[in-house]
C-alpha atoms as a PDB file:
ATOM      1  CA  UNK A   1      80.045  44.062 148.179  1.00  0.00           C
ATOM      2  CA  UNK A   2      76.383  43.536 147.768  1.00  0.00           C
ATOM      3  CA  UNK A   3      74.226  46.628 147.468  1.00  0.00           C
ATOM      4  CA  UNK A   4      71.491  46.592 150.101  1.00  0.00           C
ATOM      5  CA  UNK A   5      67.867  47.616 149.643  1.00  0.00           C
ATOM      6  CA  UNK A   6      68.416  51.041 151.250  1.00  0.00           C
ATOM      7  CA  UNK A   7      71.383  51.857 149.025  1.00  0.00           C
ATOM      8  CA  UNK A   8      69.431  50.757 145.938  1.00  0.00           C
ATOM      9  CA  UNK A   9      66.512  52.944 146.984  1.00  0.00           C
ATOM     10  CA  UNK A  10      68.809  55.946 147.547  1.00  0.00           C
ATOM     11  CA  UNK A  11      70.448  55.392 144.149  1.00  0.00           C
ATOM     12  CA  UNK A  12      67.040  55.185 142.444  1.00  0.00           C
ATOM     13  CA  UNK A  13      65.934  58.415 144.175  1.00  0.00           C
ATOM     14  CA  UNK A  14      69.161  60.140 143.133  1.00  0.00           C
ATOM     15  CA  UNK A  15      68.727  59.088 139.485  1.00  0.00           C
ATOM     16  CA  UNK A  16      65.056  60.185 139.510  1.00  0.00           C
ATOM     17  CA  UNK A  17      66.047  63.545 141.037  1.00  0.00           C
ATOM     18  CA  UNK A  18      68.728  64.080 138.375  1.00  0.00           C
ATOM     19  CA  UNK A  19      66.377  63.240 135.485  1.00  0.00           C
ATOM     20  CA  UNK A  20      63.637  65.467 136.927  1.00  0.00           C
ATOM     21  CA  UNK A  21      66.123  68.287 137.463  1.00  0.00           C
ATOM     22  CA  UNK A  22      67.446  68.102 133.886  1.00  0.00           C
ATOM     23  CA  UNK A  23      63.900  68.025 132.459  1.00  0.00           C
ATOM     24  CA  UNK A  24      62.854  71.021 134.542  1.00  0.00           C
ATOM     25  CA  UNK A  25      65.992  73.028 133.790  1.00  0.00           C
ATOM     26  CA  UNK A  26      66.115  72.349 130.032  1.00  0.00           C
ATOM     27  CA  UNK A  27      62.452  71.911 129.033  1.00  0.00           C
ATOM     28  CA  UNK A  28      59.746  72.786 131.556  1.00  0.00           C
ATOM     29  CA  UNK A  29      61.176  75.911 133.215  1.00  0.00           C
ATOM     30  CA  UNK A  30      62.117  77.745 129.992  1.00  0.00           C
ATOM     31  CA  UNK A  31      58.602  77.141 128.644  1.00  0.00           C
ATOM     32  CA  UNK A  32      56.830  78.023 131.890  1.00  0.00           C
ATOM     33  CA  UNK A  33      58.822  81.255 132.389  1.00  0.00           C
ATOM     34  CA  UNK A  34      57.358  82.555 129.129  1.00  0.00           C
ATOM     35  CA  UNK A  35      53.738  82.214 130.294  1.00  0.00           C
ATOM     36  CA  UNK A  36      52.581  85.619 131.559  1.00  0.00           C
ATOM     37  CA  UNK A  37      50.307  84.088 134.194  1.00  0.00           C
ATOM     38  CA  UNK A  38      52.929  81.663 135.549  1.00  0.00           C
ATOM     39  CA  UNK A  39      53.983  82.356 139.126  1.00  0.00           C
ATOM     40  CA  UNK A  40      57.732  82.977 139.277  1.00  0.00           C
ATOM     41  CA  UNK A  41      60.177  83.194 142.147  1.00  0.00           C
ATOM     42  CA  UNK A  42      63.150  85.467 141.502  1.00  0.00           C
ATOM     43  CA  UNK A  43      66.221  84.978 143.668  1.00  0.00           C
ATOM     44  CA  UNK A  44      69.716  86.404 143.287  1.00  0.00           C
ATOM     45  CA  UNK A  45      72.356  83.872 142.275  1.00  0.00           C
ATOM     46  CA  UNK A  46      74.523  83.327 145.329  1.00  0.00           C
ATOM     47  CA  UNK A  47      77.698  83.295 143.221  1.00  0.00           C
ATOM     48  CA  UNK A  48      76.802  85.440 140.197  1.00  0.00           C
ATOM     49  CA  UNK A  49      74.427  87.921 141.832  1.00  0.00           C
ATOM     50  CA  UNK A  50      72.311  87.584 138.676  1.00  0.00           C
ATOM     51  CA  UNK A  51      68.519  87.220 138.943  1.00  0.00           C
ATOM     52  CA  UNK A  52      67.342  83.591 138.735  1.00  0.00           C
ATOM     53  CA  UNK A  53      63.688  82.985 137.893  1.00  0.00           C
ATOM     54  CA  UNK A  54      62.000  79.720 138.792  1.00  0.00           C
ATOM     55  CA  UNK A  55      58.413  78.789 137.855  1.00  0.00           C
ATOM     56  CA  UNK A  56      56.569  77.322 140.802  1.00  0.00           C
ATOM     57  CA  UNK A  57      53.170  76.776 142.332  1.00  0.00           C
ATOM     58  CA  UNK A  58      52.042  78.166 145.617  1.00  0.00           C
ATOM     59  CA  UNK A  59      49.374  80.207 147.283  1.00  0.00           C
ATOM     60  CA  UNK A  60      49.089  83.755 148.521  1.00  0.00           C
ATOM     61  CA  UNK A  61      47.579  84.052 151.992  1.00  0.00           C
ATOM     62  CA  UNK A  62      47.252  87.701 152.965  1.00  0.00           C
ATOM     63  CA  UNK A  63      50.698  89.276 152.721  1.00  0.00           C
ATOM     64  CA  UNK A  64      52.444  85.909 152.507  1.00  0.00           C
ATOM     65  CA  UNK A  65      53.175  83.542 149.642  1.00  0.00           C
ATOM     66  CA  UNK A  66      53.627  79.859 150.553  1.00  0.00           C
ATOM     67  CA  UNK A  67      55.123  77.074 148.439  1.00  0.00           C
ATOM     68  CA  UNK A  68      56.877  73.750 148.826  1.00  0.00           C
ATOM     69  CA  UNK A  69      60.302  72.997 147.361  1.00  0.00           C
ATOM     70  CA  UNK A  70      60.397  69.477 145.947  1.00  0.00           C
ATOM     71  CA  UNK A  71      64.128  68.991 146.564  1.00  0.00           C
ATOM     72  CA  UNK A  72      64.386  70.929 149.830  1.00  0.00           C
ATOM     73  CA  UNK A  73      67.794  72.369 150.599  1.00  0.00           C
ATOM     74  CA  UNK A  74      69.212  70.747 147.438  1.00  0.00           C
ATOM     75  CA  UNK A  75      67.179  73.215 145.308  1.00  0.00           C
ATOM     76  CA  UNK A  76      69.338  75.957 143.841  1.00  0.00           C
ATOM     77  CA  UNK A  77      66.723  78.602 144.661  1.00  0.00           C
ATOM     78  CA  UNK A  78      66.655  77.446 148.317  1.00  0.00           C
ATOM     79  CA  UNK A  79      70.450  77.777 148.437  1.00  0.00           C
ATOM     80  CA  UNK A  80      70.051  81.268 146.929  1.00  0.00           C
ATOM     81  CA  UNK A  81      67.412  82.171 149.551  1.00  0.00           C
ATOM     82  CA  UNK A  82      69.698  80.987 152.339  1.00  0.00           C
ATOM     83  CA  UNK A  83      72.466  83.242 150.976  1.00  0.00           C
ATOM     84  CA  UNK A  84      70.135  86.217 150.340  1.00  0.00           C
ATOM     85  CA  UNK A  85      66.479  86.068 151.430  1.00  0.00           C
ATOM     86  CA  UNK A  86      65.451  89.184 149.430  1.00  0.00           C
ATOM     87  CA  UNK A  87      63.298  87.854 146.579  1.00  0.00           C
ATOM     88  CA  UNK A  88      60.569  88.847 144.154  1.00  0.00           C
ATOM     89  CA  UNK A  89      57.463  86.827 143.346  1.00  0.00           C
ATOM     90  CA  UNK A  90      55.386  87.294 140.182  1.00  0.00           C
ATOM     91  CA  UNK A  91      51.726  86.652 140.958  1.00  0.00           C
ATOM     92  CA  UNK A  92      49.082  87.102 138.262  1.00  0.00           C
ATOM     93  CA  UNK A  93      51.573  88.998 136.109  1.00  0.00           C
ATOM     94  CA  UNK A  94      52.593  91.489 138.844  1.00  0.00           C
ATOM     95  CA  UNK A  95      55.932  91.484 140.687  1.00  0.00           C
ATOM     96  CA  UNK A  96      56.038  91.728 144.498  1.00  0.00           C
ATOM     97  CA  UNK A  97      59.120  92.209 146.658  1.00  0.00           C
ATOM     98  CA  UNK A  98      59.513  90.037 149.697  1.00  0.00           C
ATOM     99  CA  UNK A  99      61.699  88.194 152.157  1.00  0.00           C
ATOM    100  CA  UNK A 100      61.822  84.410 151.902  1.00  0.00           C
ATOM    101  CA  UNK A 101      62.033  82.085 154.888  1.00  0.00           C
ATOM    102  CA  UNK A 102      62.667  78.346 154.892  1.00  0.00           C
ATOM    103  CA  UNK A 103      60.142  76.821 157.327  1.00  0.00           C
ATOM    104  CA  UNK A 104      61.501  73.371 158.284  1.00  0.00           C
ATOM    105  CA  UNK A 105      58.974  72.950 161.128  1.00  0.00           C
ATOM    106  CA  UNK A 106      55.993  73.257 158.749  1.00  0.00           C
ATOM    107  CA  UNK A 107      54.500  69.964 157.497  1.00  0.00           C
ATOM    108  CA  UNK A 108      55.122  70.148 153.723  1.00  0.00           C
ATOM    109  CA  UNK A 109      52.625  67.352 152.954  1.00  0.00           C
ATOM    110  CA  UNK A 110      49.882  69.203 154.837  1.00  0.00           C
ATOM    111  CA  UNK A 111      50.952  72.476 153.177  1.00  0.00           C
ATOM    112  CA  UNK A 112      50.669  70.864 149.719  1.00  0.00           C
ATOM    113  CA  UNK A 113      47.054  69.940 150.477  1.00  0.00           C
ATOM    114  CA  UNK A 114      46.293  73.661 150.872  1.00  0.00           C
ATOM    115  CA  UNK A 115      48.009  74.686 147.613  1.00  0.00           C
ATOM    116  CA  UNK A 116      46.492  74.674 144.101  1.00  0.00           C
ATOM    117  CA  UNK A 117      46.424  71.077 142.858  1.00  0.00           C
ATOM    118  CA  UNK A 118      47.632  71.773 139.311  1.00  0.00           C
ATOM    119  CA  UNK A 119      50.648  73.881 140.231  1.00  0.00           C
ATOM    120  CA  UNK A 120      51.751  71.493 142.955  1.00  0.00           C
ATOM    121  CA  UNK A 121      51.447  68.355 140.814  1.00  0.00           C
ATOM    122  CA  UNK A 122      55.172  68.170 140.051  1.00  0.00           C
ATOM    123  CA  UNK A 123      56.126  68.605 143.694  1.00  0.00           C
ATOM    124  CA  UNK A 124      53.699  65.855 144.731  1.00  0.00           C
ATOM    125  CA  UNK A 125      54.872  63.555 141.935  1.00  0.00           C
ATOM    126  CA  UNK A 126      58.634  64.030 141.934  1.00  0.00           C
ATOM    127  CA  UNK A 127      59.430  65.586 145.304  1.00  0.00           C
ATOM    128  CA  UNK A 128      61.797  63.568 147.447  1.00  0.00           C
ATOM    129  CA  UNK A 129      62.892  66.089 150.080  1.00  0.00           C
ATOM    130  CA  UNK A 130      59.949  68.443 150.608  1.00  0.00           C
ATOM    131  CA  UNK A 131      60.527  71.754 152.372  1.00  0.00           C
ATOM    132  CA  UNK A 132      58.064  74.589 152.990  1.00  0.00           C
ATOM    133  CA  UNK A 133      59.059  78.154 152.065  1.00  0.00           C
ATOM    134  CA  UNK A 134      57.185  81.329 153.093  1.00  0.00           C
ATOM    135  CA  UNK A 135      57.714  84.705 151.444  1.00  0.00           C
ATOM    136  CA  UNK A 136      56.656  87.754 153.453  1.00  0.00           C
ATOM    137  CA  UNK A 137      55.511  90.171 150.735  1.00  0.00           C
ATOM    138  CA  UNK A 138      56.323  93.843 151.262  1.00  0.00           C
ATOM    139  CA  UNK A 139      54.368  95.310 148.328  1.00  0.00           C
END
């Protein structure tokens, strides 16, 4: 069979997602986690129960922290949130406890416009399945 335009596009997106994921997991995230000012999201591994820390960009608005996942429900941290919404967020070097909520009705493109440009660059550039997440901070 001949591969149609849609299938080719889906295959290209899948390859791009895999390359981006490998780069983030092996290179970018380990470096970014070491920066004391880097915002981190800490979830509990849904299988291991171990803390998983992911560097990300977002914005605190009052007692909420908003960010956009570039791979939506395919992101491991989104899967972890769905299994256990209790998270911690490191903002400006200080950890805050909170409860994370996936917000599928929020417009992630509009949300990105309200977030810091630098931190959201990767999401804007590589994101293929954007999904807004809100963390209600408790301390």
